[in-house]
Structures are given as structure tokens and as C-alpha cells.
Amino acid sequence: MKMIIDTDAGVDDSQAIILALTHPDVDVLAITTLTGNVHIDMVNPNVLTILEILDCDVPVYPGIDRPLVQEWEDAAEFHGGDGMGNFKDRPPLTRALEDEHAVHALLRLSREYPGELTLVALGPLTNLAAAIRIDPDFPARIKKFVFMGGTIAAQGNTPIVTAEYNIYTDPEAAFITLDAFEESTMLSWETTVAHGFNWEQFDHLCSIDTVNGRFYKAISARNAKRVREALGRPAYLLPDPLAMAITLQPELIRQSSKHYVTVELNGALTRGQTVIDYMGISGKAPNCHVIQALDTVGVYQMFVRALS
């Protein structure tokens, strides 16, 4: 699998990137970055830090530093001020960013590998929307597009209570992207909430005494404490890792359905909500595989292998 990862490099992005970089059957050709969970000025060193710790060489292309239209709101409350759980043991960086802009890199690579690329978007869809506006044929050259984002039952995690953070952060970009891709796969917030690791599983992963295991524990500890103690949730949440897992191993999907999906741009109470035509009323062709259930045990086993 030839993969490009588009990321705003928060904690769960970092966990998802670990899954991809340690998978034996995946060639990560590029990582493109953008502002989302934290500003791109922090995202970029986060990605380079992951590559240093895992000792992987992947070109990193810096992308767009703000949403297309609206003001940016960070998610540092959940991800820490650095986006990676306030990770203290950062190694010196021996790797550097590429000079080419992320949007140009996406277009170039799609032309070099037409019909071969799997594109996994872990943050807002700003880079992808810009690529589409420059070259409307970009989506047609992508083999598979998977994104973490949106809601499937209007149960969000943002001030717009029906919207999920990645889509909420740049609704215009999400609208442009979903409108342009004839086929995509969506891992929603509600699916995330329903498919976490129980705390015994999480604690076991944190006990794996390897370079990867210690890194996982260090970046996860802060938000795990918040989810477990302050929020009292029964499981550790895995938004981006779930999206990556079903990309790496589609057989982990237990239930999905294909529908027309778009994004609300104007609603005072619903801007940034993903709107799903479950009943086919719009008459528009289904464009999105909506994931409802997956094998969490299989995802856990992927992490055990990745960290061990």
C-alpha cells in the first residue's frame, strides 16, 4: 500500500502514524501537515519527532496554516500545548521539512502514482480542498480516501454541538473535498466513542517497555488521565487510530453503509455538521462509506504489534 498521511499531529494522530510506520505492508510516501489540533508551527516538529523516535525516513511537506475562511480554534485543552501531550523527552531533530508545499506535493505525487495512492486525512481537510481547487482531477487519481471526521448522529464534540472538531475547524474545506471525491470512507466521532480501548487494554499498552511503547505512554498519559478521571469515561478514545486501522486492515470493519454525505455551511446551530442522506431523498449518488462498527480487539492487537 502506497500511503500519504495528511495530519495536524495531535496525540491520536501520532498514535495513528505509529500504526502506519510500523506496518510491514505499507510504504508511507509522504506526510503532509496543516494547522488543526495545534498550529502548524508545532505540528511540523511533532511529525519530525515521531520519525526520529521510530527511526523512519519519510518526506514531510508543510501545508496550510489556517482554515480557508473562518478563524482557527485549537484543541490544546485535549492535546496539550505542544499537541503531543506536552511530551518532554524530545530527541534532537536530525530530519528536516521538505521545501515543497504540501498542496503541491499532493498534486505531484498523485500524478506520479495515479490510481495507486491511499490518502488518509487525520485533521481538517484544508490541504485537500486547496489541491482540488488547483486541480479538479486530483481526487480521480487517488485510489482510496479515508478521513477521520464528522458525525453520523449529530452528536459532536465542539461548541456547535452537532459537529465534530476536524470538520468544524474548516467546514468549507470539508464541503469542497466531499463534493469532489466520488468515493470516500468516513470514521466518525460517534464511531470513535463506541469503540475505545478499555482501561485494562490501555494500561497494558502503556506497560510495553520498548522505544515505541514508552513513546506511546508518554504522549497518551495526559489525555488519558482527563478521559478516565475528569470525564469518567469507561474507555480510552481512538479517533485517528481507528481511521488508520480500517485503512491498514479493512477486514476490521464490521458494519458500514454508503450514503451521500455533505457539510452544512450556514446553520447557526449546525455549521460544520456532516449531513448524511440515509434515506436517499436527495437523489444524489452515494459518495461515502460510513463506518458504524469495527473490531476493536483487532485494533488493539495492531497496537500491541506496533509497540512491541
C-alpha atoms as a PDB file:
ATOM      1  CA  MET A   1       0.000   0.000   0.000  1.00  0.00           C
ATOM      2  CA  LYS A   2       1.369   3.402  -1.041  1.00  0.00           C
ATOM      3  CA  MET A   3       0.116   5.911   1.542  1.00  0.00           C
ATOM      4  CA  ILE A   4       0.040   9.653   2.143  1.00  0.00           C
ATOM      5  CA  ILE A   5      -0.908  10.863   5.628  1.00  0.00           C
ATOM      6  CA  ASP A   6      -2.353  14.363   5.997  1.00  0.00           C
ATOM      7  CA  THR A   7      -2.167  15.361   9.657  1.00  0.00           C
ATOM      8  CA  ASP A   8      -2.488  18.066  12.297  1.00  0.00           C
ATOM      9  CA  ALA A   9      -0.331  15.878  14.592  1.00  0.00           C
ATOM     10  CA  GLY A  10      -2.173  15.746  17.857  1.00  0.00           C
ATOM     11  CA  VAL A  11      -1.918  12.814  20.256  1.00  0.00           C
ATOM     12  CA  ASP A  12      -4.238  10.490  18.351  1.00  0.00           C
ATOM     13  CA  ASP A  13      -2.638  11.473  15.025  1.00  0.00           C
ATOM     14  CA  SER A  14       0.715  10.444  16.476  1.00  0.00           C
ATOM     15  CA  GLN A  15      -0.712   7.092  17.561  1.00  0.00           C
ATOM     16  CA  ALA A  16      -2.185   6.544  14.085  1.00  0.00           C
ATOM     17  CA  ILE A  17       1.124   7.413  12.423  1.00  0.00           C
ATOM     18  CA  ILE A  18       2.851   4.814  14.617  1.00  0.00           C
ATOM     19  CA  LEU A  19       0.447   2.171  13.260  1.00  0.00           C
ATOM     20  CA  ALA A  20       1.246   3.130   9.666  1.00  0.00           C
ATOM     21  CA  LEU A  21       5.014   3.408  10.057  1.00  0.00           C
ATOM     22  CA  THR A  22       5.307   0.033  11.793  1.00  0.00           C
ATOM     23  CA  HIS A  23       3.053  -1.862   9.402  1.00  0.00           C
ATOM     24  CA  PRO A  24       5.070  -4.234   7.189  1.00  0.00           C
ATOM     25  CA  ASP A  25       2.877  -3.855   4.109  1.00  0.00           C
ATOM     26  CA  VAL A  26       2.714  -0.060   3.941  1.00  0.00           C
ATOM     27  CA  ASP A  27       5.014   2.415   2.209  1.00  0.00           C
ATOM     28  CA  VAL A  28       4.341   5.894   3.591  1.00  0.00           C
ATOM     29  CA  LEU A  29       5.453   8.091   0.704  1.00  0.00           C
ATOM     30  CA  ALA A  30       4.747  11.420   2.387  1.00  0.00           C
ATOM     31  CA  ILE A  31       3.312  13.119   5.435  1.00  0.00           C
ATOM     32  CA  THR A  32       1.626  16.460   4.788  1.00  0.00           C
ATOM     33  CA  THR A  33       0.880  18.839   7.637  1.00  0.00           C
ATOM     34  CA  LEU A  34      -1.559  21.615   8.491  1.00  0.00           C
ATOM     35  CA  THR A  35      -2.938  23.627  11.366  1.00  0.00           C
ATOM     36  CA  GLY A  36      -5.670  21.891  13.374  1.00  0.00           C
ATOM     37  CA  ASN A  37      -5.268  20.468  16.858  1.00  0.00           C
ATOM     38  CA  VAL A  38      -2.366  22.905  17.262  1.00  0.00           C
ATOM     39  CA  HIS A  39      -0.714  25.404  14.931  1.00  0.00           C
ATOM     40  CA  ILE A  40       1.377  24.031  12.086  1.00  0.00           C
ATOM     41  CA  ASP A  41       4.487  25.538  13.700  1.00  0.00           C
ATOM     42  CA  MET A  42       4.050  22.869  16.381  1.00  0.00           C
ATOM     43  CA  VAL A  43       2.639  20.187  14.095  1.00  0.00           C
ATOM     44  CA  ASN A  44       5.782  20.113  11.955  1.00  0.00           C
ATOM     45  CA  PRO A  45       8.245  19.343  14.782  1.00  0.00           C
ATOM     46  CA  ASN A  46       5.753  16.822  16.164  1.00  0.00           C
ATOM     47  CA  VAL A  47       5.848  14.831  12.936  1.00  0.00           C
ATOM     48  CA  LEU A  48       9.635  15.052  12.734  1.00  0.00           C
ATOM     49  CA  THR A  49       9.839  13.886  16.356  1.00  0.00           C
ATOM     50  CA  ILE A  50       7.752  10.805  15.553  1.00  0.00           C
ATOM     51  CA  LEU A  51      10.090   9.985  12.682  1.00  0.00           C
ATOM     52  CA  GLU A  52      13.134  10.419  14.921  1.00  0.00           C
ATOM     53  CA  ILE A  53      11.807   8.145  17.653  1.00  0.00           C
ATOM     54  CA  LEU A  54      10.661   5.442  15.230  1.00  0.00           C
ATOM     55  CA  ASP A  55      13.829   5.929  13.134  1.00  0.00           C
ATOM     56  CA  CYS A  56      11.873   6.289   9.888  1.00  0.00           C
ATOM     57  CA  ASP A  57      12.664   8.439   6.888  1.00  0.00           C
ATOM     58  CA  VAL A  58       9.529   9.899   5.308  1.00  0.00           C
ATOM     59  CA  PRO A  59       9.373  13.257   3.492  1.00  0.00           C
ATOM     60  CA  VAL A  60       7.337  15.811   5.470  1.00  0.00           C
ATOM     61  CA  TYR A  61       5.694  18.614   3.499  1.00  0.00           C
ATOM     62  CA  PRO A  62       4.372  21.644   5.421  1.00  0.00           C
ATOM     63  CA  GLY A  63       0.937  22.812   4.360  1.00  0.00           C
ATOM     64  CA  ILE A  64      -1.695  25.442   5.097  1.00  0.00           C
ATOM     65  CA  ASP A  65      -1.544  27.331   8.376  1.00  0.00           C
ATOM     66  CA  ARG A  66      -5.215  28.254   8.862  1.00  0.00           C
ATOM     67  CA  PRO A  67      -8.763  27.316   7.783  1.00  0.00           C
ATOM     68  CA  LEU A  68      -9.937  28.587   4.402  1.00  0.00           C
ATOM     69  CA  VAL A  69     -12.499  31.057   5.772  1.00  0.00           C
ATOM     70  CA  GLN A  70     -13.143  31.078   9.491  1.00  0.00           C
ATOM     71  CA  GLU A  71     -10.927  31.796  12.461  1.00  0.00           C
ATOM     72  CA  TRP A  72      -8.979  28.860  13.832  1.00  0.00           C
ATOM     73  CA  GLU A  73      -9.662  27.383  17.283  1.00  0.00           C
ATOM     74  CA  ASP A  74      -7.089  24.953  18.679  1.00  0.00           C
ATOM     75  CA  ALA A  75      -7.678  21.748  20.636  1.00  0.00           C
ATOM     76  CA  ALA A  76      -4.759  22.202  23.009  1.00  0.00           C
ATOM     77  CA  GLU A  77      -7.016  21.596  26.003  1.00  0.00           C
ATOM     78  CA  PHE A  78      -7.171  17.951  24.951  1.00  0.00           C
ATOM     79  CA  HIS A  79      -3.821  17.508  23.182  1.00  0.00           C
ATOM     80  CA  GLY A  80      -1.607  19.718  25.350  1.00  0.00           C
ATOM     81  CA  GLY A  81       0.085  22.934  24.350  1.00  0.00           C
ATOM     82  CA  ASP A  82       2.512  21.115  22.056  1.00  0.00           C
ATOM     83  CA  GLY A  83      -0.205  18.906  20.541  1.00  0.00           C
ATOM     84  CA  MET A  84       1.565  15.761  21.738  1.00  0.00           C
ATOM     85  CA  GLY A  85       0.507  15.569  25.372  1.00  0.00           C
ATOM     86  CA  ASN A  86       3.212  18.033  26.498  1.00  0.00           C
ATOM     87  CA  PHE A  87       5.854  15.468  25.547  1.00  0.00           C
ATOM     88  CA  LYS A  88       9.072  16.305  27.396  1.00  0.00           C
ATOM     89  CA  ASP A  89      11.668  13.831  26.112  1.00  0.00           C
ATOM     90  CA  ARG A  90      12.022  15.125  22.579  1.00  0.00           C
ATOM     91  CA  PRO A  91      15.189  13.939  20.848  1.00  0.00           C
ATOM     92  CA  PRO A  92      17.289  16.368  18.781  1.00  0.00           C
ATOM     93  CA  LEU A  93      15.896  16.550  15.265  1.00  0.00           C
ATOM     94  CA  THR A  94      18.168  15.236  12.527  1.00  0.00           C
ATOM     95  CA  ARG A  95      15.409  15.281   9.925  1.00  0.00           C
ATOM     96  CA  ALA A  96      14.077  18.427   8.250  1.00  0.00           C
ATOM     97  CA  LEU A  97      10.983  19.571   6.389  1.00  0.00           C
ATOM     98  CA  GLU A  98      10.862  19.445   2.606  1.00  0.00           C
ATOM     99  CA  ASP A  99      10.891  22.729   0.703  1.00  0.00           C
ATOM    100  CA  GLU A 100       7.885  21.775  -1.416  1.00  0.00           C
ATOM    101  CA  HIS A 101       4.474  22.872  -0.122  1.00  0.00           C
ATOM    102  CA  ALA A 102       2.101  20.118   0.968  1.00  0.00           C
ATOM    103  CA  VAL A 103      -0.551  21.002  -1.613  1.00  0.00           C
ATOM    104  CA  HIS A 104       1.961  20.880  -4.452  1.00  0.00           C
ATOM    105  CA  ALA A 105       3.351  17.603  -3.108  1.00  0.00           C
ATOM    106  CA  LEU A 106      -0.131  16.060  -3.022  1.00  0.00           C
ATOM    107  CA  LEU A 107      -0.714  17.014  -6.643  1.00  0.00           C
ATOM    108  CA  ARG A 108       2.739  15.869  -7.793  1.00  0.00           C
ATOM    109  CA  LEU A 109       2.552  12.509  -6.048  1.00  0.00           C
ATOM    110  CA  SER A 110      -0.954  11.882  -7.376  1.00  0.00           C
ATOM    111  CA  ARG A 111       0.425  12.375 -10.894  1.00  0.00           C
ATOM    112  CA  GLU A 112       3.453  10.171 -10.242  1.00  0.00           C
ATOM    113  CA  TYR A 113       1.310   7.355  -8.793  1.00  0.00           C
ATOM    114  CA  PRO A 114      -2.102   7.706 -10.469  1.00  0.00           C
ATOM    115  CA  GLY A 115      -4.599   5.202  -9.123  1.00  0.00           C
ATOM    116  CA  GLU A 116      -2.117   3.836  -6.559  1.00  0.00           C
ATOM    117  CA  LEU A 117      -2.290   6.151  -3.547  1.00  0.00           C
ATOM    118  CA  THR A 118      -4.194   5.661  -0.309  1.00  0.00           C
ATOM    119  CA  LEU A 119      -4.793   9.069   1.280  1.00  0.00           C
ATOM    120  CA  VAL A 120      -5.566   9.176   4.999  1.00  0.00           C
ATOM    121  CA  ALA A 121      -6.688  12.536   6.410  1.00  0.00           C
ATOM    122  CA  LEU A 122      -6.408  12.829  10.192  1.00  0.00           C
ATOM    123  CA  GLY A 123      -7.176  16.537  10.579  1.00  0.00           C
ATOM    124  CA  PRO A 124      -9.145  19.298   8.860  1.00  0.00           C
ATOM    125  CA  LEU A 125      -9.346  18.904   5.084  1.00  0.00           C
ATOM    126  CA  THR A 126      -7.778  22.256   4.182  1.00  0.00           C
ATOM    127  CA  ASN A 127      -4.821  20.921   2.187  1.00  0.00           C
ATOM    128  CA  LEU A 128      -7.061  18.597   0.194  1.00  0.00           C
ATOM    129  CA  ALA A 129      -9.566  21.313  -0.654  1.00  0.00           C
ATOM    130  CA  ALA A 130      -6.770  23.570  -1.903  1.00  0.00           C
ATOM    131  CA  ALA A 131      -5.398  20.753  -4.057  1.00  0.00           C
ATOM    132  CA  ILE A 132      -8.860  20.186  -5.520  1.00  0.00           C
ATOM    133  CA  ARG A 133      -9.305  23.857  -6.363  1.00  0.00           C
ATOM    134  CA  ILE A 134      -5.915  23.920  -8.129  1.00  0.00           C
ATOM    135  CA  ASP A 135      -6.550  20.653  -9.967  1.00  0.00           C
ATOM    136  CA  PRO A 136     -10.121  19.285 -10.003  1.00  0.00           C
ATOM    137  CA  ASP A 137      -8.810  15.952 -11.348  1.00  0.00           C
ATOM    138  CA  PHE A 138      -6.837  15.313  -8.158  1.00  0.00           C
ATOM    139  CA  PRO A 139      -9.500  13.091  -6.498  1.00  0.00           C
ATOM    140  CA  ALA A 140      -9.770  10.874  -9.577  1.00  0.00           C
ATOM    141  CA  ARG A 141      -6.080   9.971  -9.250  1.00  0.00           C
ATOM    142  CA  ILE A 142      -6.448   8.791  -5.632  1.00  0.00           C
ATOM    143  CA  LYS A 143      -7.103   5.065  -5.173  1.00  0.00           C
ATOM    144  CA  LYS A 144      -8.674   5.335  -1.718  1.00  0.00           C
ATOM    145  CA  PHE A 145      -9.525   8.268   0.551  1.00  0.00           C
ATOM    146  CA  VAL A 146     -10.190   7.743   4.262  1.00  0.00           C
ATOM    147  CA  PHE A 147     -10.823  10.543   6.738  1.00  0.00           C
ATOM    148  CA  MET A 148     -11.457  10.840  10.445  1.00  0.00           C
ATOM    149  CA  GLY A 149     -14.171  13.403  10.910  1.00  0.00           C
ATOM    150  CA  GLY A 150     -17.822  14.245  11.078  1.00  0.00           C
ATOM    151  CA  THR A 151     -20.812  12.926  12.954  1.00  0.00           C
ATOM    152  CA  ILE A 152     -23.306  10.285  11.900  1.00  0.00           C
ATOM    153  CA  ALA A 153     -25.974  11.045  14.516  1.00  0.00           C
ATOM    154  CA  ALA A 154     -25.401  14.769  15.187  1.00  0.00           C
ATOM    155  CA  GLN A 155     -23.525  14.041  18.439  1.00  0.00           C
ATOM    156  CA  GLY A 156     -20.446  16.235  18.139  1.00  0.00           C
ATOM    157  CA  ASN A 157     -17.598  17.397  20.347  1.00  0.00           C
ATOM    158  CA  THR A 158     -17.460  21.141  19.598  1.00  0.00           C
ATOM    159  CA  PRO A 159     -19.336  24.349  20.544  1.00  0.00           C
ATOM    160  CA  ILE A 160     -21.533  23.533  17.540  1.00  0.00           C
ATOM    161  CA  VAL A 161     -22.869  20.502  19.350  1.00  0.00           C
ATOM    162  CA  THR A 162     -23.759  18.582  16.184  1.00  0.00           C
ATOM    163  CA  ALA A 163     -20.270  18.963  14.662  1.00  0.00           C
ATOM    164  CA  GLU A 164     -17.002  17.050  15.100  1.00  0.00           C
ATOM    165  CA  TYR A 165     -13.747  19.009  15.514  1.00  0.00           C
ATOM    166  CA  ASN A 166     -11.977  18.272  12.200  1.00  0.00           C
ATOM    167  CA  ILE A 167     -14.978  19.259  10.101  1.00  0.00           C
ATOM    168  CA  TYR A 168     -15.942  22.114  12.448  1.00  0.00           C
ATOM    169  CA  THR A 169     -12.454  23.602  12.089  1.00  0.00           C
ATOM    170  CA  ASP A 170     -12.773  24.057   8.318  1.00  0.00           C
ATOM    171  CA  PRO A 171     -16.302  23.372   7.064  1.00  0.00           C
ATOM    172  CA  GLU A 172     -15.650  24.900   3.629  1.00  0.00           C
ATOM    173  CA  ALA A 173     -12.684  22.612   3.070  1.00  0.00           C
ATOM    174  CA  ALA A 174     -14.727  19.569   4.079  1.00  0.00           C
ATOM    175  CA  PHE A 175     -17.589  20.613   1.793  1.00  0.00           C
ATOM    176  CA  ILE A 176     -15.219  21.047  -1.167  1.00  0.00           C
ATOM    177  CA  THR A 177     -13.476  17.734  -0.507  1.00  0.00           C
ATOM    178  CA  LEU A 178     -16.577  15.587  -0.056  1.00  0.00           C
ATOM    179  CA  ASP A 179     -18.172  17.213  -3.083  1.00  0.00           C
ATOM    180  CA  ALA A 180     -15.144  16.360  -5.224  1.00  0.00           C
ATOM    181  CA  PHE A 181     -14.418  12.775  -4.182  1.00  0.00           C
ATOM    182  CA  GLU A 182     -16.817  10.299  -5.744  1.00  0.00           C
ATOM    183  CA  GLU A 183     -15.902   7.810  -3.039  1.00  0.00           C
ATOM    184  CA  SER A 184     -14.515   8.172   0.478  1.00  0.00           C
ATOM    185  CA  THR A 185     -14.560   6.382   3.832  1.00  0.00           C
ATOM    186  CA  MET A 186     -15.622   8.213   6.995  1.00  0.00           C
ATOM    187  CA  LEU A 187     -14.688   7.327  10.571  1.00  0.00           C
ATOM    188  CA  SER A 188     -16.980   9.499  12.669  1.00  0.00           C
ATOM    189  CA  TRP A 189     -16.910  10.833  16.215  1.00  0.00           C
ATOM    190  CA  GLU A 190     -19.787   8.591  17.348  1.00  0.00           C
ATOM    191  CA  THR A 191     -17.996   5.515  15.988  1.00  0.00           C
ATOM    192  CA  THR A 192     -14.940   6.661  17.932  1.00  0.00           C
ATOM    193  CA  VAL A 193     -16.914   6.929  21.172  1.00  0.00           C
ATOM    194  CA  ALA A 194     -18.371   3.452  20.686  1.00  0.00           C
ATOM    195  CA  HIS A 195     -15.023   1.751  20.002  1.00  0.00           C
ATOM    196  CA  GLY A 196     -12.445   2.735  22.606  1.00  0.00           C
ATOM    197  CA  PHE A 197      -9.924   0.611  24.494  1.00  0.00           C
ATOM    198  CA  ASN A 198     -10.999  -0.436  27.948  1.00  0.00           C
ATOM    199  CA  TRP A 199      -8.623   0.757  30.639  1.00  0.00           C
ATOM    200  CA  GLU A 200      -7.063  -2.675  31.099  1.00  0.00           C
ATOM    201  CA  GLN A 201      -6.117  -2.688  27.416  1.00  0.00           C
ATOM    202  CA  PHE A 202      -4.798   0.870  27.583  1.00  0.00           C
ATOM    203  CA  ASP A 203      -2.739   0.161  30.702  1.00  0.00           C
ATOM    204  CA  HIS A 204      -1.229  -2.911  29.064  1.00  0.00           C
ATOM    205  CA  LEU A 205      -0.131  -0.894  26.032  1.00  0.00           C
ATOM    206  CA  CYS A 206       1.470   1.643  28.366  1.00  0.00           C
ATOM    207  CA  SER A 207       3.379  -1.171  30.079  1.00  0.00           C
ATOM    208  CA  ILE A 208       5.171  -2.271  26.890  1.00  0.00           C
ATOM    209  CA  ASP A 209       8.794  -1.412  27.654  1.00  0.00           C
ATOM    210  CA  THR A 210      10.159  -0.589  24.212  1.00  0.00           C
ATOM    211  CA  VAL A 211      11.061   2.665  22.500  1.00  0.00           C
ATOM    212  CA  ASN A 212       7.665   2.722  20.794  1.00  0.00           C
ATOM    213  CA  GLY A 213       5.830   1.648  23.936  1.00  0.00           C
ATOM    214  CA  ARG A 214       7.421   4.301  26.120  1.00  0.00           C
ATOM    215  CA  PHE A 215       6.663   6.931  23.485  1.00  0.00           C
ATOM    216  CA  TYR A 216       3.015   5.835  23.343  1.00  0.00           C
ATOM    217  CA  LYS A 217       2.720   6.060  27.119  1.00  0.00           C
ATOM    218  CA  ALA A 218       4.367   9.482  27.295  1.00  0.00           C
ATOM    219  CA  ILE A 219       2.167  11.158  24.699  1.00  0.00           C
ATOM    220  CA  SER A 220      -1.044   9.451  25.858  1.00  0.00           C
ATOM    221  CA  ALA A 221      -0.804   9.958  29.634  1.00  0.00           C
ATOM    222  CA  ARG A 222      -2.204  13.490  29.803  1.00  0.00           C
ATOM    223  CA  ASN A 223      -5.365  12.998  27.782  1.00  0.00           C
ATOM    224  CA  ALA A 224      -5.892   9.502  29.210  1.00  0.00           C
ATOM    225  CA  LYS A 225      -5.975  10.971  32.712  1.00  0.00           C
ATOM    226  CA  ARG A 226      -8.517  13.559  31.586  1.00  0.00           C
ATOM    227  CA  VAL A 227     -10.723  10.979  29.861  1.00  0.00           C
ATOM    228  CA  ARG A 228     -10.500   8.488  32.748  1.00  0.00           C
ATOM    229  CA  GLU A 229     -10.670  10.766  35.778  1.00  0.00           C
ATOM    230  CA  ALA A 230     -12.162  14.128  34.834  1.00  0.00           C
ATOM    231  CA  LEU A 231     -14.665  12.830  32.273  1.00  0.00           C
ATOM    232  CA  GLY A 232     -15.160   9.427  33.863  1.00  0.00           C
ATOM    233  CA  ARG A 233     -15.377   7.602  30.550  1.00  0.00           C
ATOM    234  CA  PRO A 234     -15.172   3.791  30.501  1.00  0.00           C
ATOM    235  CA  ALA A 235     -12.714   3.658  27.612  1.00  0.00           C
ATOM    236  CA  TYR A 236      -9.757   5.444  26.037  1.00  0.00           C
ATOM    237  CA  LEU A 237     -10.807   7.103  22.779  1.00  0.00           C
ATOM    238  CA  LEU A 238      -9.059   6.402  19.459  1.00  0.00           C
ATOM    239  CA  PRO A 239     -10.319   8.752  16.731  1.00  0.00           C
ATOM    240  CA  ASP A 240      -7.398   8.790  14.284  1.00  0.00           C
ATOM    241  CA  PRO A 241      -6.053   5.305  15.121  1.00  0.00           C
ATOM    242  CA  LEU A 242      -9.419   3.788  14.190  1.00  0.00           C
ATOM    243  CA  ALA A 243      -9.366   5.551  10.822  1.00  0.00           C
ATOM    244  CA  MET A 244      -5.833   4.310  10.226  1.00  0.00           C
ATOM    245  CA  ALA A 245      -6.625   0.776  11.401  1.00  0.00           C
ATOM    246  CA  ILE A 246      -9.520   0.274   8.977  1.00  0.00           C
ATOM    247  CA  THR A 247      -7.305   1.610   6.207  1.00  0.00           C
ATOM    248  CA  LEU A 248      -4.491  -0.809   7.004  1.00  0.00           C
ATOM    249  CA  GLN A 249      -6.838  -3.745   7.620  1.00  0.00           C
ATOM    250  CA  PRO A 250     -10.283  -3.208   6.036  1.00  0.00           C
ATOM    251  CA  GLU A 251     -11.364  -6.598   7.365  1.00  0.00           C
ATOM    252  CA  LEU A 252     -11.659  -4.903  10.779  1.00  0.00           C
ATOM    253  CA  ILE A 253     -14.850  -3.189   9.549  1.00  0.00           C
ATOM    254  CA  ARG A 254     -17.913  -4.921  10.967  1.00  0.00           C
ATOM    255  CA  GLN A 255     -20.686  -2.619   9.728  1.00  0.00           C
ATOM    256  CA  SER A 256     -20.807   0.173   7.168  1.00  0.00           C
ATOM    257  CA  SER A 257     -23.189   1.674   4.641  1.00  0.00           C
ATOM    258  CA  LYS A 258     -22.768   4.002   1.691  1.00  0.00           C
ATOM    259  CA  HIS A 259     -24.627   7.324   1.538  1.00  0.00           C
ATOM    260  CA  TYR A 260     -24.444  10.800   0.119  1.00  0.00           C
ATOM    261  CA  VAL A 261     -22.612  12.979   2.659  1.00  0.00           C
ATOM    262  CA  THR A 262     -22.120  16.748   2.610  1.00  0.00           C
ATOM    263  CA  VAL A 263     -21.395  19.512   5.127  1.00  0.00           C
ATOM    264  CA  GLU A 264     -23.675  22.266   6.464  1.00  0.00           C
ATOM    265  CA  LEU A 265     -22.080  25.693   5.986  1.00  0.00           C
ATOM    266  CA  ASN A 266     -24.787  28.139   7.046  1.00  0.00           C
ATOM    267  CA  GLY A 267     -26.741  26.837  10.023  1.00  0.00           C
ATOM    268  CA  ALA A 268     -26.415  28.966  13.150  1.00  0.00           C
ATOM    269  CA  LEU A 269     -26.587  25.805  15.263  1.00  0.00           C
ATOM    270  CA  THR A 270     -25.281  23.274  12.743  1.00  0.00           C
ATOM    271  CA  ARG A 271     -22.413  24.830  10.745  1.00  0.00           C
ATOM    272  CA  GLY A 272     -19.794  22.109  10.257  1.00  0.00           C
ATOM    273  CA  GLN A 273     -22.201  19.215  10.766  1.00  0.00           C
ATOM    274  CA  THR A 274     -21.893  16.354   8.315  1.00  0.00           C
ATOM    275  CA  VAL A 275     -25.306  15.813   6.729  1.00  0.00           C
ATOM    276  CA  ILE A 276     -25.969  12.201   5.721  1.00  0.00           C
ATOM    277  CA  ASP A 277     -28.744  11.263   3.316  1.00  0.00           C
ATOM    278  CA  TYR A 278     -29.662   7.930   4.902  1.00  0.00           C
ATOM    279  CA  MET A 279     -32.958   7.651   3.046  1.00  0.00           C
ATOM    280  CA  GLY A 280     -31.732   8.631  -0.427  1.00  0.00           C
ATOM    281  CA  ILE A 281     -34.108  11.585  -0.518  1.00  0.00           C
ATOM    282  CA  SER A 282     -31.669  13.973  -2.210  1.00  0.00           C
ATOM    283  CA  GLY A 283     -31.333  11.800  -5.280  1.00  0.00           C
ATOM    284  CA  LYS A 284     -27.579  12.370  -5.220  1.00  0.00           C
ATOM    285  CA  ALA A 285     -25.198   9.477  -5.715  1.00  0.00           C
ATOM    286  CA  PRO A 286     -23.767   7.977  -2.509  1.00  0.00           C
ATOM    287  CA  ASN A 287     -20.201   9.228  -2.097  1.00  0.00           C
ATOM    288  CA  CYS A 288     -19.125   7.975   1.327  1.00  0.00           C
ATOM    289  CA  HIS A 289     -18.729   4.651   3.119  1.00  0.00           C
ATOM    290  CA  VAL A 290     -19.916   5.456   6.640  1.00  0.00           C
ATOM    291  CA  ILE A 291     -18.346   3.174   9.256  1.00  0.00           C
ATOM    292  CA  GLN A 292     -20.665   2.196  12.103  1.00  0.00           C
ATOM    293  CA  ALA A 293     -18.889  -0.726  13.757  1.00  0.00           C
ATOM    294  CA  LEU A 294     -15.442  -2.293  13.772  1.00  0.00           C
ATOM    295  CA  ASP A 295     -13.319  -4.884  15.541  1.00  0.00           C
ATOM    296  CA  THR A 296     -11.720  -3.061  18.467  1.00  0.00           C
ATOM    297  CA  VAL A 297      -9.855  -6.197  19.568  1.00  0.00           C
ATOM    298  CA  GLY A 298      -8.199  -6.293  16.170  1.00  0.00           C
ATOM    299  CA  VAL A 299      -7.151  -2.661  16.557  1.00  0.00           C
ATOM    300  CA  TYR A 300      -5.743  -3.448  19.997  1.00  0.00           C
ATOM    301  CA  GLN A 301      -3.713  -6.330  18.540  1.00  0.00           C
ATOM    302  CA  MET A 302      -2.355  -3.959  15.891  1.00  0.00           C
ATOM    303  CA  PHE A 303      -1.137  -1.654  18.648  1.00  0.00           C
ATOM    304  CA  VAL A 304       0.470  -4.498  20.582  1.00  0.00           C
ATOM    305  CA  ARG A 305       2.461  -5.421  17.473  1.00  0.00           C
ATOM    306  CA  ALA A 306       3.323  -1.807  16.678  1.00  0.00           C
ATOM    307  CA  LEU A 307       4.568  -1.039  20.169  1.00  0.00           C
ATOM    308  CA  SER A 308       6.352  -4.335  20.722  1.00  0.00           C
END
